[in-house]
Amino acid sequence: MDKAYIAGRTPVRVDLVKGQKYAWCSCGASENQPWCDGSHKGTKFTPTVFVAEETKSVGMCMCKLSEKPQFCDGNHKRIKG
């Protein structure tokens, strides 16, 4: 796998909890999107692990093209087709 799979063409809203650790799927193959389930094993991809700085609802990137992984930056709008 050289390129990430497009898991979705729009962001998914999730509620993050301050202080909780998350692992965002960067490869697009996880069955538990937007979270990592280990499907990247054997590829060049690794999850983006982060701790929520505050409790809030956010848009998580599903196209895997964001320049601000793990959060949506609107790059899904550039997907053709």
C-alpha atoms as a PDB file:
ATOM      1  CA  MET A   1       0.000   0.000   0.000  1.00  0.00           C
ATOM      2  CA  ASP A   2       1.701   3.174  -1.228  1.00  0.00           C
ATOM      3  CA  LYS A   3      -1.223   5.569  -0.882  1.00  0.00           C
ATOM      4  CA  ALA A   4      -3.852   5.825   1.817  1.00  0.00           C
ATOM      5  CA  TYR A   5      -7.331   4.584   0.994  1.00  0.00           C
ATOM      6  CA  ILE A   6     -10.051   7.227   0.899  1.00  0.00           C
ATOM      7  CA  ALA A   7     -12.269   6.101   3.772  1.00  0.00           C
ATOM      8  CA  GLY A   8     -14.837   8.825   3.127  1.00  0.00           C
ATOM      9  CA  ARG A   9     -15.416  11.954   1.082  1.00  0.00           C
ATOM     10  CA  THR A  10     -16.647  14.077   3.968  1.00  0.00           C
ATOM     11  CA  PRO A  11     -15.403  14.480   7.537  1.00  0.00           C
ATOM     12  CA  VAL A  12     -17.010  12.604  10.391  1.00  0.00           C
ATOM     13  CA  ARG A  13     -18.005  14.503  13.551  1.00  0.00           C
ATOM     14  CA  VAL A  14     -16.778  12.997  16.801  1.00  0.00           C
ATOM     15  CA  ASP A  15     -16.861  14.133  20.399  1.00  0.00           C
ATOM     16  CA  LEU A  16     -13.400  14.234  21.937  1.00  0.00           C
ATOM     17  CA  VAL A  17     -12.911  14.128  25.706  1.00  0.00           C
ATOM     18  CA  LYS A  18     -10.190  16.273  27.272  1.00  0.00           C
ATOM     19  CA  GLY A  19      -7.217  14.193  28.373  1.00  0.00           C
ATOM     20  CA  GLN A  20      -8.301  11.067  26.454  1.00  0.00           C
ATOM     21  CA  LYS A  21      -5.815   9.452  24.041  1.00  0.00           C
ATOM     22  CA  TYR A  22      -6.896   8.680  20.470  1.00  0.00           C
ATOM     23  CA  ALA A  23      -5.256   6.933  17.506  1.00  0.00           C
ATOM     24  CA  TRP A  24      -6.477   8.292  14.159  1.00  0.00           C
ATOM     25  CA  CYS A  25      -6.232   5.944  11.147  1.00  0.00           C
ATOM     26  CA  SER A  26      -3.842   7.406   8.569  1.00  0.00           C
ATOM     27  CA  CYS A  27      -4.000   4.521   6.068  1.00  0.00           C
ATOM     28  CA  GLY A  28      -7.772   4.486   5.457  1.00  0.00           C
ATOM     29  CA  ALA A  29      -8.056   0.695   5.820  1.00  0.00           C
ATOM     30  CA  SER A  30      -9.422   0.548   9.375  1.00  0.00           C
ATOM     31  CA  GLU A  31     -12.877  -0.948   9.826  1.00  0.00           C
ATOM     32  CA  ASN A  32     -13.289   1.392  12.819  1.00  0.00           C
ATOM     33  CA  GLN A  33     -12.935   4.758  11.024  1.00  0.00           C
ATOM     34  CA  PRO A  34     -11.736   7.305  11.906  1.00  0.00           C
ATOM     35  CA  TRP A  35      -9.829   5.282  14.515  1.00  0.00           C
ATOM     36  CA  CYS A  36      -6.959   2.871  13.957  1.00  0.00           C
ATOM     37  CA  ASP A  37      -7.614  -0.867  14.247  1.00  0.00           C
ATOM     38  CA  GLY A  38      -4.119  -2.015  13.235  1.00  0.00           C
ATOM     39  CA  SER A  39      -4.938  -2.533   9.544  1.00  0.00           C
ATOM     40  CA  HIS A  40      -1.810  -0.547   8.629  1.00  0.00           C
ATOM     41  CA  LYS A  41       0.524  -3.297   9.880  1.00  0.00           C
ATOM     42  CA  GLY A  42       3.035  -4.223   7.173  1.00  0.00           C
ATOM     43  CA  THR A  43       2.673  -0.836   5.434  1.00  0.00           C
ATOM     44  CA  LYS A  44       4.528   2.470   5.715  1.00  0.00           C
ATOM     45  CA  PHE A  45       1.571   3.985   7.597  1.00  0.00           C
ATOM     46  CA  THR A  46       1.279   4.575  11.328  1.00  0.00           C
ATOM     47  CA  PRO A  47      -1.654   6.047  13.245  1.00  0.00           C
ATOM     48  CA  THR A  48      -1.591   9.619  14.473  1.00  0.00           C
ATOM     49  CA  VAL A  49      -1.793   9.327  18.245  1.00  0.00           C
ATOM     50  CA  PHE A  50      -2.939  12.404  20.154  1.00  0.00           C
ATOM     51  CA  VAL A  51      -4.445  13.487  23.465  1.00  0.00           C
ATOM     52  CA  ALA A  52      -7.496  15.763  23.282  1.00  0.00           C
ATOM     53  CA  GLU A  53      -6.660  19.212  24.634  1.00  0.00           C
ATOM     54  CA  GLU A  54     -10.306  19.949  25.394  1.00  0.00           C
ATOM     55  CA  THR A  55     -13.718  18.321  25.308  1.00  0.00           C
ATOM     56  CA  LYS A  56     -15.355  19.298  22.024  1.00  0.00           C
ATOM     57  CA  SER A  57     -16.916  18.089  18.787  1.00  0.00           C
ATOM     58  CA  VAL A  58     -14.521  18.050  15.823  1.00  0.00           C
ATOM     59  CA  GLY A  59     -14.488  17.034  12.164  1.00  0.00           C
ATOM     60  CA  MET A  60     -12.102  14.133  11.649  1.00  0.00           C
ATOM     61  CA  CYS A  61     -10.494  13.657   8.222  1.00  0.00           C
ATOM     62  CA  MET A  62     -11.781  10.620   6.343  1.00  0.00           C
ATOM     63  CA  CYS A  63     -10.185  11.257   2.929  1.00  0.00           C
ATOM     64  CA  LYS A  64      -6.672  11.012   4.447  1.00  0.00           C
ATOM     65  CA  LEU A  65      -5.560  14.019   2.381  1.00  0.00           C
ATOM     66  CA  SER A  66      -5.648  16.626   5.151  1.00  0.00           C
ATOM     67  CA  GLU A  67      -2.528  18.669   5.717  1.00  0.00           C
ATOM     68  CA  LYS A  68      -3.599  18.879   9.375  1.00  0.00           C
ATOM     69  CA  PRO A  69      -3.965  15.198  10.192  1.00  0.00           C
ATOM     70  CA  GLN A  70      -6.144  14.094  11.994  1.00  0.00           C
ATOM     71  CA  PHE A  71      -8.545  16.977  11.516  1.00  0.00           C
ATOM     72  CA  CYS A  72     -10.413  17.889   8.348  1.00  0.00           C
ATOM     73  CA  ASP A  73      -8.999  20.869   6.432  1.00  0.00           C
ATOM     74  CA  GLY A  74     -11.349  20.698   3.440  1.00  0.00           C
ATOM     75  CA  ASN A  75      -9.003  18.809   1.075  1.00  0.00           C
ATOM     76  CA  HIS A  76     -11.783  16.263   0.448  1.00  0.00           C
ATOM     77  CA  LYS A  77     -13.349  18.881  -1.817  1.00  0.00           C
ATOM     78  CA  ARG A  78     -10.471  18.333  -4.291  1.00  0.00           C
ATOM     79  CA  ILE A  79     -11.305  14.637  -4.849  1.00  0.00           C
ATOM     80  CA  LYS A  80     -12.465  14.052  -8.387  1.00  0.00           C
ATOM     81  CA  GLY A  81     -15.278  11.673  -9.260  1.00  0.00           C
END
